[in-house]
Structure formats: structure tokens, C-alpha cells
């Protein structure tokens, strides 16, 4: 919400409001992207056995089942991208760390073996899974957050001048938006026998 406030203030020409919101967003994002010796929260660390970044404090099984990384980390990539578009110093200091956050859930680079290729996304089905281990938590219960995750990939690629990341974001956004329309909303009314449901239907 705060980064959206900054964006709206920027577009409206409200410079003072933009700067205040930008400074608050930057301080919060920086806190997550940096580590001080002895720090135990508001940080990421790389866990090599699983090839993943873990953020603490963790929630929703992020650290035990690798659940919801695209949901939660998408907030960081989206906020970081919007900052990087207007703040050269932030982009220079934290662009590489934000690239790692993106690669945790949407690694487009098959040569980067630190992370699996497209961890949460299945191109065959055209949508992401919330579960990180493939056994539990596979419900994609927040398609809006999933789409925001792809938006962050795209915007950060634009902000960093990284065409491969940008293109991965475009691919993910376009493909998953079709999956959302098809599987969650049955937009074309082809998948659900609506005569079997007396009440409005909502899928997970």
C-alpha cells in the first residue's frame, strides 16, 4: 500500500508526499535486503540444500514446505521494482539482491543452478502452485498475489535493464492470466457443468 501511495503521489505531482512515502518504503525494503550480524528477523538467507531463499519471519510454511514464495516475495520484487524505477541509488545498491529474490520463485535462467527453473510455475498447466514441495499446499488460493509476483518480475526487469527477466515476467503474466481466467473463473463457461450448482461457484 505504501509503494502505491508513493506512485500515486509521484504521478499527481505531490512531491512532498512522494518523498515521504518513498523513504518509508526504501527503509523497509532495505531492512529485508540487508543483514547485520546477530540479526534474527527481517532478512533473507540462502539455504543451499533446497536451493532457496528463506525469509524470516516466515509464515504459511515458507520455510518448512517452501509454500507461497511467489505470493510473498512478489511484494518485495514489486515494491523494489517501483523504487528502482525512480531511485538510482537504490537500484545500484540492491538490484542484484532483488534479482535473487525473483530467481527464488521465477528463475528464468537455466544456467543458474542455485535455484530451480520456474520453481512455482508449471508452463504445461499455465499457472503457479502455492506448494513448494509438490505434495501439500498446491492450492493456488491467491491468484491476485501470483499475478503481482509476475508484475514484479516484469517491472524489475525494466528497472534493471534486464531483458531476459523482463521477458520472463511478460511470459509469466500473460500465461498465468489465461490460467486464472480458465481454471479459476471458467470465463468461457466450458469447464463446469453449471446445472450441478445451485449456488454461485468459486474455485480454489
C-alpha atoms as a PDB file:
ATOM      1  CA  UNK A   1       0.000   0.000   0.000  1.00  0.00           C
ATOM      2  CA  UNK A   2       2.819   2.363   0.820  1.00  0.00           C
ATOM      3  CA  UNK A   3       4.590   1.928  -2.504  1.00  0.00           C
ATOM      4  CA  UNK A   4       1.273   2.505  -4.293  1.00  0.00           C
ATOM      5  CA  UNK A   5       0.840   5.685  -2.234  1.00  0.00           C
ATOM      6  CA  UNK A   6       4.281   6.805  -3.403  1.00  0.00           C
ATOM      7  CA  UNK A   7       3.434   6.011  -7.017  1.00  0.00           C
ATOM      8  CA  UNK A   8       0.137   7.917  -6.909  1.00  0.00           C
ATOM      9  CA  UNK A   9       1.771  10.907  -5.205  1.00  0.00           C
ATOM     10  CA  UNK A  10       4.519  10.864  -7.849  1.00  0.00           C
ATOM     11  CA  UNK A  11       2.035  10.756 -10.726  1.00  0.00           C
ATOM     12  CA  UNK A  12      -0.054  13.514  -9.127  1.00  0.00           C
ATOM     13  CA  UNK A  13       2.963  15.772  -8.733  1.00  0.00           C
ATOM     14  CA  UNK A  14       2.716  15.726  -4.921  1.00  0.00           C
ATOM     15  CA  UNK A  15       6.481  15.768  -4.371  1.00  0.00           C
ATOM     16  CA  UNK A  16       6.492  16.001  -0.589  1.00  0.00           C
ATOM     17  CA  UNK A  17       4.100  13.070  -0.203  1.00  0.00           C
ATOM     18  CA  UNK A  18       6.051  11.049  -2.741  1.00  0.00           C
ATOM     19  CA  UNK A  19       9.367  11.595  -0.964  1.00  0.00           C
ATOM     20  CA  UNK A  20       7.962  10.681   2.459  1.00  0.00           C
ATOM     21  CA  UNK A  21       6.353   7.502   1.157  1.00  0.00           C
ATOM     22  CA  UNK A  22       9.423   6.590  -0.894  1.00  0.00           C
ATOM     23  CA  UNK A  23      11.721   6.979   2.117  1.00  0.00           C
ATOM     24  CA  UNK A  24       9.493   4.758   4.260  1.00  0.00           C
ATOM     25  CA  UNK A  25       9.263   2.080   1.575  1.00  0.00           C
ATOM     26  CA  UNK A  26      13.006   2.180   0.962  1.00  0.00           C
ATOM     27  CA  UNK A  27      13.810   1.818   4.672  1.00  0.00           C
ATOM     28  CA  UNK A  28      11.519  -1.213   4.996  1.00  0.00           C
ATOM     29  CA  UNK A  29      12.714  -2.938   1.842  1.00  0.00           C
ATOM     30  CA  UNK A  30      16.372  -2.229   2.672  1.00  0.00           C
ATOM     31  CA  UNK A  31      15.876  -3.812   6.081  1.00  0.00           C
ATOM     32  CA  UNK A  32      14.840  -7.070   4.390  1.00  0.00           C
ATOM     33  CA  UNK A  33      17.568  -6.985   1.736  1.00  0.00           C
ATOM     34  CA  UNK A  34      20.448  -6.453   4.180  1.00  0.00           C
ATOM     35  CA  UNK A  35      21.881  -8.396   7.103  1.00  0.00           C
ATOM     36  CA  UNK A  36      23.595  -7.225  10.278  1.00  0.00           C
ATOM     37  CA  UNK A  37      25.499  -9.711  12.420  1.00  0.00           C
ATOM     38  CA  UNK A  38      23.194 -11.156  15.061  1.00  0.00           C
ATOM     39  CA  UNK A  39      20.023 -10.077  13.275  1.00  0.00           C
ATOM     40  CA  UNK A  40      17.225 -12.650  13.501  1.00  0.00           C
ATOM     41  CA  UNK A  41      14.324 -11.129  11.607  1.00  0.00           C
ATOM     42  CA  UNK A  42      13.556  -9.104   8.501  1.00  0.00           C
ATOM     43  CA  UNK A  43      16.170 -10.875   6.430  1.00  0.00           C
ATOM     44  CA  UNK A  44      16.684 -13.419   3.659  1.00  0.00           C
ATOM     45  CA  UNK A  45      19.252 -16.172   3.613  1.00  0.00           C
ATOM     46  CA  UNK A  46      20.165 -18.749   1.019  1.00  0.00           C
ATOM     47  CA  UNK A  47      19.631 -22.372   2.040  1.00  0.00           C
ATOM     48  CA  UNK A  48      21.775 -24.385  -0.357  1.00  0.00           C
ATOM     49  CA  UNK A  49      20.354 -27.910   0.267  1.00  0.00           C
ATOM     50  CA  UNK A  50      16.968 -26.764  -1.027  1.00  0.00           C
ATOM     51  CA  UNK A  51      18.218 -24.124  -3.465  1.00  0.00           C
ATOM     52  CA  UNK A  52      16.056 -21.417  -1.953  1.00  0.00           C
ATOM     53  CA  UNK A  53      15.977 -18.068  -0.248  1.00  0.00           C
ATOM     54  CA  UNK A  54      14.219 -18.183   3.091  1.00  0.00           C
ATOM     55  CA  UNK A  55      12.785 -15.016   4.563  1.00  0.00           C
ATOM     56  CA  UNK A  56      12.315 -14.545   8.287  1.00  0.00           C
ATOM     57  CA  UNK A  57       9.966 -14.142   9.957  1.00  0.00           C
ATOM     58  CA  UNK A  58       8.365 -16.821   7.779  1.00  0.00           C
ATOM     59  CA  UNK A  59       4.706 -17.704   7.517  1.00  0.00           C
ATOM     60  CA  UNK A  60       2.383 -20.124   5.723  1.00  0.00           C
ATOM     61  CA  UNK A  61       5.036 -22.842   5.564  1.00  0.00           C
ATOM     62  CA  UNK A  62       7.509 -20.713   3.616  1.00  0.00           C
ATOM     63  CA  UNK A  63      10.466 -22.245   5.406  1.00  0.00           C
ATOM     64  CA  UNK A  64       9.193 -25.785   6.050  1.00  0.00           C
ATOM     65  CA  UNK A  65       7.351 -26.520   2.788  1.00  0.00           C
ATOM     66  CA  UNK A  66       8.574 -23.623   0.640  1.00  0.00           C
ATOM     67  CA  UNK A  67       4.954 -22.562   0.245  1.00  0.00           C
ATOM     68  CA  UNK A  68       3.798 -19.212  -1.141  1.00  0.00           C
ATOM     69  CA  UNK A  69       7.182 -17.839  -2.192  1.00  0.00           C
ATOM     70  CA  UNK A  70       5.752 -16.197  -5.310  1.00  0.00           C
ATOM     71  CA  UNK A  71       2.914 -14.726  -3.238  1.00  0.00           C
ATOM     72  CA  UNK A  72       5.069 -13.230  -0.512  1.00  0.00           C
ATOM     73  CA  UNK A  73       8.287 -12.494  -2.358  1.00  0.00           C
ATOM     74  CA  UNK A  74       6.265 -10.815  -5.088  1.00  0.00           C
ATOM     75  CA  UNK A  75       5.620  -7.962  -2.670  1.00  0.00           C
ATOM     76  CA  UNK A  76       9.364  -7.370  -2.400  1.00  0.00           C
ATOM     77  CA  UNK A  77      10.033  -7.549  -6.121  1.00  0.00           C
ATOM     78  CA  UNK A  78       7.088  -5.268  -6.924  1.00  0.00           C
ATOM     79  CA  UNK A  79       7.992  -2.671  -4.278  1.00  0.00           C
ATOM     80  CA  UNK A  80      11.682  -2.951  -5.138  1.00  0.00           C
ATOM     81  CA  UNK A  81      10.952  -2.503  -8.834  1.00  0.00           C
ATOM     82  CA  UNK A  82       8.910   0.645  -8.293  1.00  0.00           C
ATOM     83  CA  UNK A  83      11.683   2.053  -6.096  1.00  0.00           C
ATOM     84  CA  UNK A  84      14.354   1.118  -8.633  1.00  0.00           C
ATOM     85  CA  UNK A  85      12.455   2.939 -11.376  1.00  0.00           C
ATOM     86  CA  UNK A  86      12.715   6.271  -9.509  1.00  0.00           C
ATOM     87  CA  UNK A  87      15.742   5.854  -7.223  1.00  0.00           C
ATOM     88  CA  UNK A  88      19.098   5.352  -8.937  1.00  0.00           C
ATOM     89  CA  UNK A  89      20.992   4.798  -5.691  1.00  0.00           C
ATOM     90  CA  UNK A  90      18.552   2.122  -4.510  1.00  0.00           C
ATOM     91  CA  UNK A  91      18.760   0.369  -7.892  1.00  0.00           C
ATOM     92  CA  UNK A  92      22.561   0.371  -7.811  1.00  0.00           C
ATOM     93  CA  UNK A  93      22.767  -0.917  -4.247  1.00  0.00           C
ATOM     94  CA  UNK A  94      20.010  -3.528  -4.211  1.00  0.00           C
ATOM     95  CA  UNK A  95      19.296  -4.548  -7.794  1.00  0.00           C
ATOM     96  CA  UNK A  96      21.388  -7.716  -7.529  1.00  0.00           C
ATOM     97  CA  UNK A  97      19.736  -8.795  -4.269  1.00  0.00           C
ATOM     98  CA  UNK A  98      16.282  -8.215  -5.717  1.00  0.00           C
ATOM     99  CA  UNK A  99      17.300 -10.309  -8.723  1.00  0.00           C
ATOM    100  CA  UNK A 100      17.992 -13.187  -6.301  1.00  0.00           C
ATOM    101  CA  UNK A 101      14.564 -12.769  -4.706  1.00  0.00           C
ATOM    102  CA  UNK A 102      12.967 -13.049  -8.148  1.00  0.00           C
ATOM    103  CA  UNK A 103      15.074 -16.078  -9.069  1.00  0.00           C
ATOM    104  CA  UNK A 104      13.894 -17.906  -5.971  1.00  0.00           C
ATOM    105  CA  UNK A 105      10.360 -18.192  -7.350  1.00  0.00           C
ATOM    106  CA  UNK A 106      10.733 -17.415 -11.061  1.00  0.00           C
ATOM    107  CA  UNK A 107      14.258 -18.348 -12.137  1.00  0.00           C
ATOM    108  CA  UNK A 108      14.254 -17.959 -15.907  1.00  0.00           C
ATOM    109  CA  UNK A 109      17.989 -18.664 -16.266  1.00  0.00           C
ATOM    110  CA  UNK A 110      18.616 -22.383 -16.793  1.00  0.00           C
ATOM    111  CA  UNK A 111      22.361 -21.833 -16.334  1.00  0.00           C
ATOM    112  CA  UNK A 112      21.844 -20.542 -12.768  1.00  0.00           C
ATOM    113  CA  UNK A 113      21.817 -23.757 -10.748  1.00  0.00           C
ATOM    114  CA  UNK A 114      21.335 -22.015  -7.385  1.00  0.00           C
ATOM    115  CA  UNK A 115      17.572 -22.098  -7.946  1.00  0.00           C
ATOM    116  CA  UNK A 116      15.275 -24.467  -9.854  1.00  0.00           C
ATOM    117  CA  UNK A 117      13.852 -23.281 -13.139  1.00  0.00           C
ATOM    118  CA  UNK A 118      10.491 -21.523 -12.568  1.00  0.00           C
ATOM    119  CA  UNK A 119      10.070 -23.049  -9.089  1.00  0.00           C
ATOM    120  CA  UNK A 120       6.402 -22.258  -8.542  1.00  0.00           C
ATOM    121  CA  UNK A 121       5.165 -22.185 -12.145  1.00  0.00           C
ATOM    122  CA  UNK A 122       4.106 -25.019 -14.427  1.00  0.00           C
ATOM    123  CA  UNK A 123       4.152 -23.956 -18.087  1.00  0.00           C
ATOM    124  CA  UNK A 124       2.189 -27.074 -19.062  1.00  0.00           C
ATOM    125  CA  UNK A 125      -0.811 -26.134 -16.924  1.00  0.00           C
ATOM    126  CA  UNK A 126      -0.198 -22.420 -17.334  1.00  0.00           C
ATOM    127  CA  UNK A 127      -0.375 -21.439 -13.677  1.00  0.00           C
ATOM    128  CA  UNK A 128       1.595 -21.438 -10.453  1.00  0.00           C
ATOM    129  CA  UNK A 129       1.290 -23.690  -7.428  1.00  0.00           C
ATOM    130  CA  UNK A 130       1.388 -22.379  -3.878  1.00  0.00           C
ATOM    131  CA  UNK A 131       3.066 -25.547  -2.567  1.00  0.00           C
ATOM    132  CA  UNK A 132       6.828 -25.667  -2.677  1.00  0.00           C
ATOM    133  CA  UNK A 133       7.325 -29.415  -2.304  1.00  0.00           C
ATOM    134  CA  UNK A 134       4.640 -30.653  -4.662  1.00  0.00           C
ATOM    135  CA  UNK A 135       2.810 -32.685  -2.033  1.00  0.00           C
ATOM    136  CA  UNK A 136       0.811 -30.275   0.141  1.00  0.00           C
ATOM    137  CA  UNK A 137      -0.325 -26.702  -0.293  1.00  0.00           C
ATOM    138  CA  UNK A 138      -0.747 -26.936  -4.037  1.00  0.00           C
ATOM    139  CA  UNK A 139      -3.886 -24.797  -3.930  1.00  0.00           C
ATOM    140  CA  UNK A 140      -3.348 -21.525  -5.777  1.00  0.00           C
ATOM    141  CA  UNK A 141      -5.577 -19.640  -3.368  1.00  0.00           C
ATOM    142  CA  UNK A 142      -4.403 -16.135  -4.250  1.00  0.00           C
ATOM    143  CA  UNK A 143      -4.222 -15.591  -7.957  1.00  0.00           C
ATOM    144  CA  UNK A 144      -4.013 -11.827  -7.396  1.00  0.00           C
ATOM    145  CA  UNK A 145      -0.767 -12.265  -5.452  1.00  0.00           C
ATOM    146  CA  UNK A 146       0.545 -14.650  -8.076  1.00  0.00           C
ATOM    147  CA  UNK A 147      -0.128 -12.083 -10.778  1.00  0.00           C
ATOM    148  CA  UNK A 148       1.532  -9.405  -8.653  1.00  0.00           C
ATOM    149  CA  UNK A 149       4.582 -11.666  -8.433  1.00  0.00           C
ATOM    150  CA  UNK A 150       4.818 -11.731 -12.223  1.00  0.00           C
ATOM    151  CA  UNK A 151       4.244  -7.983 -12.365  1.00  0.00           C
ATOM    152  CA  UNK A 152       7.211  -7.558 -10.058  1.00  0.00           C
ATOM    153  CA  UNK A 153       9.388  -9.727 -12.313  1.00  0.00           C
ATOM    154  CA  UNK A 154       8.453  -7.620 -15.341  1.00  0.00           C
ATOM    155  CA  UNK A 155       8.842  -4.224 -13.654  1.00  0.00           C
ATOM    156  CA  UNK A 156      12.146  -5.149 -12.028  1.00  0.00           C
ATOM    157  CA  UNK A 157      13.456  -6.368 -15.376  1.00  0.00           C
ATOM    158  CA  UNK A 158      12.519  -2.991 -16.858  1.00  0.00           C
ATOM    159  CA  UNK A 159      14.083  -1.086 -13.944  1.00  0.00           C
ATOM    160  CA  UNK A 160      17.347  -3.056 -14.130  1.00  0.00           C
ATOM    161  CA  UNK A 161      17.549  -3.118 -17.912  1.00  0.00           C
ATOM    162  CA  UNK A 162      17.471  -6.928 -17.760  1.00  0.00           C
ATOM    163  CA  UNK A 163      15.638  -8.023 -20.905  1.00  0.00           C
ATOM    164  CA  UNK A 164      15.671 -11.715 -20.007  1.00  0.00           C
ATOM    165  CA  UNK A 165      13.988 -11.002 -16.671  1.00  0.00           C
ATOM    166  CA  UNK A 166      11.553  -8.619 -18.327  1.00  0.00           C
ATOM    167  CA  UNK A 167      10.607 -11.226 -20.918  1.00  0.00           C
ATOM    168  CA  UNK A 168      10.166 -13.897 -18.231  1.00  0.00           C
ATOM    169  CA  UNK A 169       7.785 -11.532 -16.458  1.00  0.00           C
ATOM    170  CA  UNK A 170       5.809 -10.965 -19.655  1.00  0.00           C
ATOM    171  CA  UNK A 171       5.619 -14.709 -20.309  1.00  0.00           C
ATOM    172  CA  UNK A 172       4.502 -15.465 -16.748  1.00  0.00           C
ATOM    173  CA  UNK A 173       1.941 -12.656 -16.646  1.00  0.00           C
ATOM    174  CA  UNK A 174       0.336 -13.489 -19.987  1.00  0.00           C
ATOM    175  CA  UNK A 175       0.307 -17.248 -19.413  1.00  0.00           C
ATOM    176  CA  UNK A 176      -0.902 -17.172 -15.829  1.00  0.00           C
ATOM    177  CA  UNK A 177      -3.598 -14.597 -16.576  1.00  0.00           C
ATOM    178  CA  UNK A 178      -5.034 -17.078 -19.088  1.00  0.00           C
ATOM    179  CA  UNK A 179      -4.791 -19.844 -16.486  1.00  0.00           C
ATOM    180  CA  UNK A 180      -6.623 -17.714 -13.935  1.00  0.00           C
ATOM    181  CA  UNK A 181      -9.389 -16.936 -16.416  1.00  0.00           C
ATOM    182  CA  UNK A 182      -9.683 -20.593 -17.425  1.00  0.00           C
ATOM    183  CA  UNK A 183      -9.277 -22.570 -14.204  1.00  0.00           C
ATOM    184  CA  UNK A 184     -10.494 -20.172 -11.541  1.00  0.00           C
ATOM    185  CA  UNK A 185     -13.210 -18.214 -13.326  1.00  0.00           C
ATOM    186  CA  UNK A 186     -14.156 -20.527 -16.199  1.00  0.00           C
ATOM    187  CA  UNK A 187     -14.509 -17.362 -18.238  1.00  0.00           C
ATOM    188  CA  UNK A 188     -15.655 -19.127 -21.384  1.00  0.00           C
ATOM    189  CA  UNK A 189     -18.042 -21.392 -19.442  1.00  0.00           C
ATOM    190  CA  UNK A 190     -16.527 -24.600 -20.845  1.00  0.00           C
ATOM    191  CA  UNK A 191     -15.243 -26.431 -17.772  1.00  0.00           C
ATOM    192  CA  UNK A 192     -18.014 -26.542 -15.182  1.00  0.00           C
ATOM    193  CA  UNK A 193     -21.465 -28.110 -15.546  1.00  0.00           C
ATOM    194  CA  UNK A 194     -23.359 -25.226 -14.013  1.00  0.00           C
ATOM    195  CA  UNK A 195     -26.586 -27.198 -13.812  1.00  0.00           C
ATOM    196  CA  UNK A 196     -24.975 -29.106 -10.902  1.00  0.00           C
ATOM    197  CA  UNK A 197     -24.531 -25.975  -8.789  1.00  0.00           C
ATOM    198  CA  UNK A 198     -27.497 -24.183  -7.321  1.00  0.00           C
ATOM    199  CA  UNK A 199     -25.271 -21.502  -5.790  1.00  0.00           C
ATOM    200  CA  UNK A 200     -22.564 -19.334  -7.330  1.00  0.00           C
ATOM    201  CA  UNK A 201     -19.380 -21.348  -7.831  1.00  0.00           C
ATOM    202  CA  UNK A 202     -15.910 -20.275  -6.709  1.00  0.00           C
ATOM    203  CA  UNK A 203     -12.875 -22.491  -7.220  1.00  0.00           C
ATOM    204  CA  UNK A 204      -9.586 -22.588  -5.303  1.00  0.00           C
END
